[in-house]
């Protein structure tokens, strides 16, 4: 399966999961139903602009339709960011504790 076939299959699956028909997609894209069908069937070429429009209609980020590895890498980055955020918060708490201890020592 080619990359474009994978993208179009993911678009089709997402469209079906949301209960959207070819007619609905065509209406939202301001094209004929046959034109939309041709896009999904790869009879017509899918432009980047049209892909962005389709993603907006499906309320999905464009990257959702690409390789799962991209999605997995994004999730890994988000998880790492959350881990870093937790560590930073712990360091700030530790710093605050140390400052309070030093203040108490200075007051004596």
N, C-alpha and C. Protein backbone atom coordinates (compact mmCIF):
# COMPACT_ATOMS: atom_id res chain seq x y z
N UNK A 1 0.86 -1.18 0.00
CA UNK A 1 0.00 0.00 0.00
C UNK A 1 0.90 1.24 0.00
N UNK A 2 0.58 2.18 -0.88
CA UNK A 2 1.37 3.41 -0.96
C UNK A 2 1.03 4.34 0.20
N UNK A 3 1.87 5.33 0.42
CA UNK A 3 1.64 6.31 1.50
C UNK A 3 0.32 7.04 1.29
N UNK A 4 0.03 7.45 0.05
CA UNK A 4 -1.21 8.19 -0.20
C UNK A 4 -2.42 7.29 0.05
N UNK A 5 -2.30 6.01 -0.28
CA UNK A 5 -3.40 5.07 0.00
C UNK A 5 -3.63 4.96 1.50
N UNK A 6 -2.53 4.93 2.26
CA UNK A 6 -2.65 4.87 3.72
C UNK A 6 -3.36 6.12 4.25
N UNK A 7 -2.97 7.28 3.74
CA UNK A 7 -3.59 8.55 4.17
C UNK A 7 -5.07 8.53 3.83
N UNK A 8 -5.40 8.15 2.61
CA UNK A 8 -6.80 8.13 2.19
C UNK A 8 -7.62 7.11 2.97
N UNK A 9 -7.02 5.97 3.30
CA UNK A 9 -7.73 4.98 4.13
C UNK A 9 -8.02 5.54 5.51
N UNK A 10 -7.07 6.27 6.07
CA UNK A 10 -7.28 6.86 7.39
C UNK A 10 -8.35 7.94 7.34
N UNK A 11 -8.36 8.72 6.27
CA UNK A 11 -9.41 9.73 6.10
C UNK A 11 -10.76 9.04 6.01
N UNK A 12 -10.84 8.00 5.20
CA UNK A 12 -12.10 7.27 5.01
C UNK A 12 -12.58 6.67 6.33
N UNK A 13 -11.67 6.05 7.07
CA UNK A 13 -12.03 5.45 8.36
C UNK A 13 -12.53 6.52 9.32
N UNK A 14 -11.83 7.63 9.39
CA UNK A 14 -12.22 8.72 10.28
C UNK A 14 -13.59 9.27 9.88
N UNK A 15 -13.78 9.46 8.58
CA UNK A 15 -15.06 9.98 8.07
C UNK A 15 -16.20 9.04 8.47
N UNK A 16 -16.00 7.74 8.26
CA UNK A 16 -17.03 6.76 8.60
C UNK A 16 -17.29 6.73 10.11
N UNK A 17 -16.22 6.79 10.90
CA UNK A 17 -16.38 6.78 12.36
C UNK A 17 -17.20 7.97 12.85
N UNK A 18 -17.11 9.07 12.15
CA UNK A 18 -17.87 10.26 12.53
C UNK A 18 -19.26 10.26 11.91
N UNK A 19 -19.54 9.26 11.08
CA UNK A 19 -20.85 9.15 10.45
C UNK A 19 -21.07 10.13 9.31
N UNK A 20 -19.99 10.62 8.72
CA UNK A 20 -20.09 11.58 7.62
C UNK A 20 -20.16 10.83 6.29
N UNK A 21 -21.08 11.23 5.44
CA UNK A 21 -21.23 10.64 4.11
C UNK A 21 -20.34 11.37 3.11
N UNK A 22 -20.22 10.77 1.92
CA UNK A 22 -19.52 11.45 0.83
C UNK A 22 -20.23 12.76 0.50
N UNK A 23 -21.56 12.72 0.54
CA UNK A 23 -22.34 13.90 0.22
C UNK A 23 -22.05 15.04 1.20
N UNK A 24 -21.99 14.69 2.49
CA UNK A 24 -21.71 15.70 3.51
C UNK A 24 -20.33 16.31 3.31
N UNK A 25 -19.34 15.45 3.09
CA UNK A 25 -17.97 15.93 2.88
C UNK A 25 -17.91 16.84 1.65
N UNK A 26 -18.56 16.41 0.58
CA UNK A 26 -18.57 17.20 -0.65
C UNK A 26 -19.21 18.56 -0.41
N UNK A 27 -20.32 18.56 0.32
CA UNK A 27 -21.01 19.82 0.63
C UNK A 27 -20.08 20.76 1.41
N UNK A 28 -19.42 20.23 2.44
CA UNK A 28 -18.53 21.05 3.26
C UNK A 28 -17.32 21.55 2.46
N UNK A 29 -16.88 20.77 1.48
CA UNK A 29 -15.73 21.15 0.65
C UNK A 29 -16.15 22.00 -0.55
N UNK A 30 -17.45 22.12 -0.74
CA UNK A 30 -18.01 22.88 -1.87
C UNK A 30 -17.58 22.27 -3.21
N UNK A 31 -17.69 20.93 -3.26
CA UNK A 31 -17.42 20.20 -4.50
C UNK A 31 -18.54 19.20 -4.70
N UNK A 32 -18.57 18.54 -5.84
CA UNK A 32 -19.61 17.53 -6.08
C UNK A 32 -19.29 16.26 -5.30
N UNK A 33 -20.33 15.46 -5.09
CA UNK A 33 -20.16 14.19 -4.39
C UNK A 33 -19.21 13.30 -5.19
N UNK A 34 -19.33 13.32 -6.50
CA UNK A 34 -18.46 12.51 -7.36
C UNK A 34 -17.00 12.94 -7.20
N UNK A 35 -16.78 14.23 -7.08
CA UNK A 35 -15.41 14.73 -6.90
C UNK A 35 -14.82 14.24 -5.58
N UNK A 36 -15.64 14.25 -4.53
CA UNK A 36 -15.13 13.76 -3.25
C UNK A 36 -14.85 12.26 -3.32
N UNK A 37 -15.76 11.52 -3.94
CA UNK A 37 -15.55 10.08 -4.10
C UNK A 37 -14.26 9.82 -4.86
N UNK A 38 -14.01 10.61 -5.89
CA UNK A 38 -12.77 10.46 -6.67
C UNK A 38 -11.53 10.71 -5.82
N UNK A 39 -11.62 11.63 -4.87
CA UNK A 39 -10.49 11.88 -3.97
C UNK A 39 -10.22 10.64 -3.12
N UNK A 40 -11.27 10.12 -2.48
CA UNK A 40 -11.09 8.95 -1.62
C UNK A 40 -10.66 7.72 -2.41
N UNK A 41 -11.12 7.60 -3.65
CA UNK A 41 -10.76 6.45 -4.48
C UNK A 41 -9.45 6.66 -5.24
N UNK A 42 -8.82 7.78 -5.00
CA UNK A 42 -7.54 8.14 -5.59
C UNK A 42 -7.62 8.30 -7.11
N UNK A 43 -8.82 8.61 -7.61
CA UNK A 43 -8.99 8.93 -9.02
C UNK A 43 -8.57 10.38 -9.25
N UNK A 44 -8.84 11.22 -8.25
CA UNK A 44 -8.39 12.62 -8.27
C UNK A 44 -7.26 12.77 -7.27
N UNK A 45 -6.36 13.67 -7.57
CA UNK A 45 -5.21 13.92 -6.71
C UNK A 45 -5.64 14.71 -5.47
N UNK A 46 -5.11 14.33 -4.32
CA UNK A 46 -5.38 15.02 -3.06
C UNK A 46 -4.30 16.08 -2.85
N UNK A 47 -4.70 17.34 -2.89
CA UNK A 47 -3.73 18.42 -2.68
C UNK A 47 -3.55 18.66 -1.18
N UNK A 48 -2.48 19.33 -0.84
CA UNK A 48 -2.23 19.68 0.56
C UNK A 48 -3.35 20.56 1.09
N UNK A 49 -3.78 21.51 0.28
CA UNK A 49 -4.86 22.41 0.69
C UNK A 49 -6.14 21.63 0.97
N UNK A 50 -6.46 20.68 0.10
CA UNK A 50 -7.68 19.88 0.28
C UNK A 50 -7.54 18.99 1.51
N UNK A 51 -6.36 18.45 1.75
CA UNK A 51 -6.12 17.63 2.93
C UNK A 51 -6.37 18.44 4.20
N UNK A 52 -5.90 19.67 4.22
CA UNK A 52 -6.12 20.55 5.38
C UNK A 52 -7.61 20.81 5.56
N UNK A 53 -8.33 21.04 4.48
CA UNK A 53 -9.78 21.28 4.56
C UNK A 53 -10.49 20.05 5.11
N UNK A 54 -10.11 18.87 4.62
CA UNK A 54 -10.72 17.63 5.09
C UNK A 54 -10.44 17.43 6.57
N UNK A 55 -9.21 17.68 6.99
CA UNK A 55 -8.86 17.54 8.41
C UNK A 55 -9.70 18.48 9.27
N UNK A 56 -9.93 19.70 8.79
CA UNK A 56 -10.75 20.65 9.54
C UNK A 56 -12.19 20.17 9.65
N UNK A 57 -12.74 19.63 8.57
CA UNK A 57 -14.11 19.11 8.60
C UNK A 57 -14.21 17.95 9.58
N UNK A 58 -13.21 17.08 9.55
CA UNK A 58 -13.20 15.92 10.44
C UNK A 58 -12.76 16.27 11.86
N UNK A 59 -12.37 17.54 12.06
CA UNK A 59 -11.90 18.02 13.36
C UNK A 59 -10.76 17.16 13.89
N UNK A 60 -9.80 16.93 13.01
CA UNK A 60 -8.62 16.14 13.34
C UNK A 60 -7.38 16.91 12.90
N UNK A 61 -6.27 16.77 13.61
CA UNK A 61 -5.03 17.38 13.12
C UNK A 61 -4.57 16.62 11.87
N UNK A 62 -3.95 17.32 10.96
CA UNK A 62 -3.53 16.71 9.69
C UNK A 62 -2.61 15.51 9.93
N UNK A 63 -1.73 15.61 10.92
CA UNK A 63 -0.78 14.52 11.15
C UNK A 63 -1.47 13.22 11.50
N UNK A 64 -2.72 13.28 11.94
CA UNK A 64 -3.48 12.08 12.29
C UNK A 64 -3.56 11.09 11.12
N UNK A 65 -3.50 11.63 9.90
CA UNK A 65 -3.68 10.78 8.72
C UNK A 65 -2.37 10.22 8.19
N UNK A 66 -1.27 10.55 8.86
CA UNK A 66 0.02 10.06 8.41
C UNK A 66 0.47 8.90 9.28
N UNK A 67 1.66 8.46 9.05
CA UNK A 67 2.25 7.31 9.71
C UNK A 67 2.00 7.32 11.21
N UNK A 68 1.63 6.16 11.74
CA UNK A 68 1.40 6.02 13.18
C UNK A 68 2.65 6.37 13.97
N UNK A 69 3.81 6.17 13.37
CA UNK A 69 5.06 6.50 14.05
C UNK A 69 5.08 7.97 14.43
N UNK A 70 4.57 8.82 13.55
CA UNK A 70 4.51 10.25 13.85
C UNK A 70 3.62 10.48 15.06
N UNK A 71 2.47 9.80 15.09
CA UNK A 71 1.56 9.95 16.22
C UNK A 71 2.21 9.44 17.51
N UNK A 72 2.89 8.29 17.41
CA UNK A 72 3.55 7.73 18.59
C UNK A 72 4.66 8.65 19.08
N UNK A 73 5.43 9.20 18.16
CA UNK A 73 6.50 10.11 18.55
C UNK A 73 5.94 11.35 19.22
N UNK A 74 4.83 11.86 18.71
CA UNK A 74 4.21 13.04 19.32
C UNK A 74 3.78 12.72 20.74
N UNK A 75 3.15 11.54 20.93
CA UNK A 75 2.72 11.16 22.27
C UNK A 75 3.92 10.99 23.20
N UNK A 76 5.01 10.43 22.69
CA UNK A 76 6.22 10.28 23.51
C UNK A 76 6.77 11.64 23.91
N UNK A 77 6.76 12.58 23.00
CA UNK A 77 7.24 13.93 23.31
C UNK A 77 6.34 14.57 24.36
N UNK A 78 5.03 14.40 24.22
CA UNK A 78 4.10 14.96 25.21
C UNK A 78 4.32 14.33 26.58
N UNK A 79 4.53 13.01 26.61
CA UNK A 79 4.79 12.33 27.88
C UNK A 79 6.09 12.84 28.50
N UNK A 80 7.12 12.97 27.68
CA UNK A 80 8.41 13.47 28.18
C UNK A 80 8.25 14.89 28.70
N UNK A 81 7.47 15.71 28.00
CA UNK A 81 7.23 17.09 28.45
C UNK A 81 6.53 17.10 29.80
N UNK A 82 5.57 16.21 29.96
CA UNK A 82 4.87 16.13 31.24
C UNK A 82 5.81 15.67 32.35
N UNK A 83 6.67 14.70 32.04
CA UNK A 83 7.65 14.23 33.02
C UNK A 83 8.59 15.37 33.42
N UNK A 84 9.04 16.13 32.44
CA UNK A 84 9.93 17.26 32.71
C UNK A 84 9.22 18.29 33.58
N UNK A 85 7.96 18.55 33.27
CA UNK A 85 7.17 19.51 34.05
C UNK A 85 7.07 19.06 35.51
N UNK A 86 6.84 17.77 35.73
CA UNK A 86 6.75 17.24 37.09
C UNK A 86 8.09 17.41 37.80
N UNK A 87 9.19 17.08 37.11
CA UNK A 87 10.51 17.24 37.72
C UNK A 87 10.82 18.69 38.06
N UNK A 88 10.46 19.59 37.18
CA UNK A 88 10.68 21.02 37.45
C UNK A 88 9.89 21.45 38.68
N UNK A 89 8.65 21.01 38.78
CA UNK A 89 7.83 21.35 39.95
C UNK A 89 8.45 20.80 41.23
N UNK A 90 8.98 19.58 41.16
CA UNK A 90 9.63 18.99 42.33
C UNK A 90 10.89 19.77 42.71
N UNK A 91 11.66 20.19 41.71
CA UNK A 91 12.86 20.99 41.97
C UNK A 91 12.50 22.33 42.60
N UNK A 92 11.44 22.95 42.12
CA UNK A 92 11.00 24.23 42.69
C UNK A 92 10.60 24.04 44.15
N UNK A 93 9.86 22.97 44.44
CA UNK A 93 9.46 22.70 45.82
C UNK A 93 10.68 22.47 46.70
N UNK A 94 11.64 21.71 46.18
CA UNK A 94 12.86 21.44 46.93
C UNK A 94 13.63 22.73 47.19
N UNK A 95 13.72 23.58 46.18
CA UNK A 95 14.40 24.87 46.32
C UNK A 95 13.70 25.71 47.38
N UNK A 96 12.38 25.75 47.34
CA UNK A 96 11.62 26.53 48.32
C UNK A 96 11.86 26.00 49.73
N UNK A 97 11.92 24.69 49.87
CA UNK A 97 12.19 24.09 51.17
C UNK A 97 13.59 24.48 51.66
N UNK A 98 14.56 24.41 50.78
CA UNK A 98 15.93 24.78 51.15
C UNK A 98 16.01 26.26 51.53
N UNK A 99 15.33 27.11 50.81
CA UNK A 99 15.31 28.54 51.14
C UNK A 99 14.72 28.76 52.52
N UNK A 100 13.64 28.07 52.82
CA UNK A 100 13.00 28.21 54.13
C UNK A 100 13.93 27.73 55.24
N UNK A 101 14.64 26.64 55.00
CA UNK A 101 15.58 26.13 56.00
C UNK A 101 16.70 27.14 56.23
N UNK A 102 17.24 27.69 55.15
CA UNK A 102 18.32 28.69 55.27
C UNK A 102 17.83 29.95 55.98
N UNK A 103 16.62 30.37 55.71
CA UNK A 103 16.06 31.55 56.39
C UNK A 103 15.96 31.31 57.89
N UNK A 104 15.50 30.12 58.24
CA UNK A 104 15.38 29.79 59.67
C UNK A 104 16.75 29.77 60.33
N UNK A 105 17.74 29.26 59.63
CA UNK A 105 19.10 29.23 60.17
C UNK A 105 19.64 30.65 60.35
N UNK A 106 19.34 31.53 59.42
CA UNK A 106 19.81 32.91 59.52
C UNK A 106 19.12 33.66 60.66
N UNK A 107 17.90 33.31 60.95
CA UNK A 107 17.15 33.97 62.02
C UNK A 107 17.68 33.61 63.39
N UNK A 108 18.40 32.52 63.50
CA UNK A 108 18.89 32.07 64.81
C UNK A 108 20.08 32.84 65.24
